[in-house]
């Protein structure tokens, strides 16, 4: 597990600086941040920090590359395997995307 490696590294850094790993103070009603219950500091940081970071990273990748999906599909239609069945409208997104580069 990658999180275990990160967590163990953070523990070693805390040990060097003489800081003890502890659970943050949890309030009964939390409005501005995550308040997922956990029994250990490792579980807390995995649930509240690491998993959220991975989810945000995944969303950013999806947002970034979904816009290029039509362009890539259009370029795929230029391959000989798909060229015979493709129409000009299939590659229109790719043409519009690269039109400025072909000046």
Protein backbone atom coordinates (compact mmCIF):
# COMPACT_ATOMS: atom_id res chain seq x y z
CA UNK A 1 0.00 0.00 0.00
CA UNK A 2 1.37 3.36 -1.02
CA UNK A 3 -0.31 5.18 1.86
CA UNK A 4 1.60 3.02 4.36
CA UNK A 5 4.91 4.15 2.85
CA UNK A 6 3.88 7.79 3.05
CA UNK A 7 2.59 7.42 6.60
CA UNK A 8 5.73 5.64 7.81
CA UNK A 9 7.90 8.33 6.23
CA UNK A 10 5.87 11.02 7.98
CA UNK A 11 6.26 9.16 11.29
CA UNK A 12 10.03 9.10 10.85
CA UNK A 13 10.05 12.85 10.12
CA UNK A 14 7.94 13.48 13.22
CA UNK A 15 10.36 11.42 15.29
CA UNK A 16 13.30 13.51 14.07
CA UNK A 17 11.51 16.69 15.13
CA UNK A 18 10.30 15.18 18.43
CA UNK A 19 6.62 15.61 17.56
CA UNK A 20 4.08 12.96 18.49
CA UNK A 21 1.48 11.75 15.98
CA UNK A 22 -2.00 12.31 17.36
CA UNK A 23 -5.56 12.54 16.17
CA UNK A 24 -6.73 16.09 15.56
CA UNK A 25 -9.41 17.42 17.85
CA UNK A 26 -12.81 16.22 16.60
CA UNK A 27 -15.90 18.28 17.29
CA UNK A 28 -19.45 17.03 17.51
CA UNK A 29 -20.66 19.17 14.63
CA UNK A 30 -18.22 20.01 11.89
CA UNK A 31 -19.24 22.27 9.01
CA UNK A 32 -16.09 23.24 7.12
CA UNK A 33 -13.98 20.06 6.98
CA UNK A 34 -14.27 16.34 6.92
CA UNK A 35 -15.06 14.70 10.25
CA UNK A 36 -14.96 10.99 9.41
CA UNK A 37 -14.68 8.91 12.58
CA UNK A 38 -11.46 6.94 13.00
CA UNK A 39 -9.73 5.00 15.76
CA UNK A 40 -6.09 5.71 14.91
CA UNK A 41 -4.14 8.63 13.43
CA UNK A 42 -3.23 6.46 10.44
CA UNK A 43 -6.88 5.69 9.74
CA UNK A 44 -7.82 9.36 10.18
CA UNK A 45 -5.20 10.65 7.73
CA UNK A 46 -5.96 7.89 5.23
CA UNK A 47 -9.68 8.66 5.23
CA UNK A 48 -9.63 12.43 5.58
CA UNK A 49 -6.53 13.43 3.65
CA UNK A 50 -5.14 10.70 1.39
CA UNK A 51 -8.40 9.42 -0.10
CA UNK A 52 -9.65 12.97 -0.63
CA UNK A 53 -6.39 13.88 -2.35
CA UNK A 54 -6.68 10.87 -4.67
CA UNK A 55 -10.32 11.70 -5.48
CA UNK A 56 -9.42 15.32 -6.27
CA UNK A 57 -6.50 14.19 -8.42
CA UNK A 58 -8.74 11.77 -10.32
CA UNK A 59 -11.35 14.49 -10.90
CA UNK A 60 -8.72 16.90 -12.20
CA UNK A 61 -7.38 14.29 -14.62
CA UNK A 62 -10.90 13.51 -15.79
CA UNK A 63 -11.71 17.20 -16.29
CA UNK A 64 -8.50 17.77 -18.16
CA UNK A 65 -8.70 14.81 -20.52
CA UNK A 66 -12.45 14.51 -21.13
CA UNK A 67 -12.24 17.68 -23.19
CA UNK A 68 -9.66 16.01 -25.45
CA UNK A 69 -11.60 12.78 -25.82
CA UNK A 70 -13.45 13.90 -28.98
CA UNK A 71 -10.21 15.15 -30.49
CA UNK A 72 -8.48 11.82 -29.91
CA UNK A 73 -11.44 9.87 -31.30
CA UNK A 74 -11.37 12.12 -34.37
CA UNK A 75 -7.67 11.49 -34.87
CA UNK A 76 -8.33 7.78 -34.49
CA UNK A 77 -10.62 8.00 -37.53
CA UNK A 78 -7.59 8.92 -39.66
CA UNK A 79 -6.10 5.46 -39.14
CA UNK A 80 -6.48 3.19 -42.18
CA UNK A 81 -8.50 0.69 -40.15
CA UNK A 82 -11.25 3.25 -39.47
CA UNK A 83 -10.77 5.65 -42.38
CA UNK A 84 -13.10 3.82 -44.78
CA UNK A 85 -16.06 4.02 -42.39
CA UNK A 86 -15.35 7.58 -41.15
CA UNK A 87 -17.06 10.73 -42.34
CA UNK A 88 -15.77 14.29 -42.29
CA UNK A 89 -17.98 15.06 -39.29
CA UNK A 90 -16.12 12.36 -37.32
CA UNK A 91 -12.85 14.28 -37.57
CA UNK A 92 -14.33 17.78 -37.29
CA UNK A 93 -13.41 18.20 -33.59
CA UNK A 94 -9.79 17.22 -34.31
CA UNK A 95 -9.63 19.57 -37.31
CA UNK A 96 -11.01 22.49 -35.27
CA UNK A 97 -8.61 21.75 -32.40
CA UNK A 98 -5.49 21.72 -34.60
CA UNK A 99 -6.58 24.38 -37.11
CA UNK A 100 -4.61 27.11 -35.33
CA UNK A 101 -1.43 25.01 -35.42
CA UNK A 102 -1.61 24.53 -39.20
CA UNK A 103 -1.51 28.29 -39.98
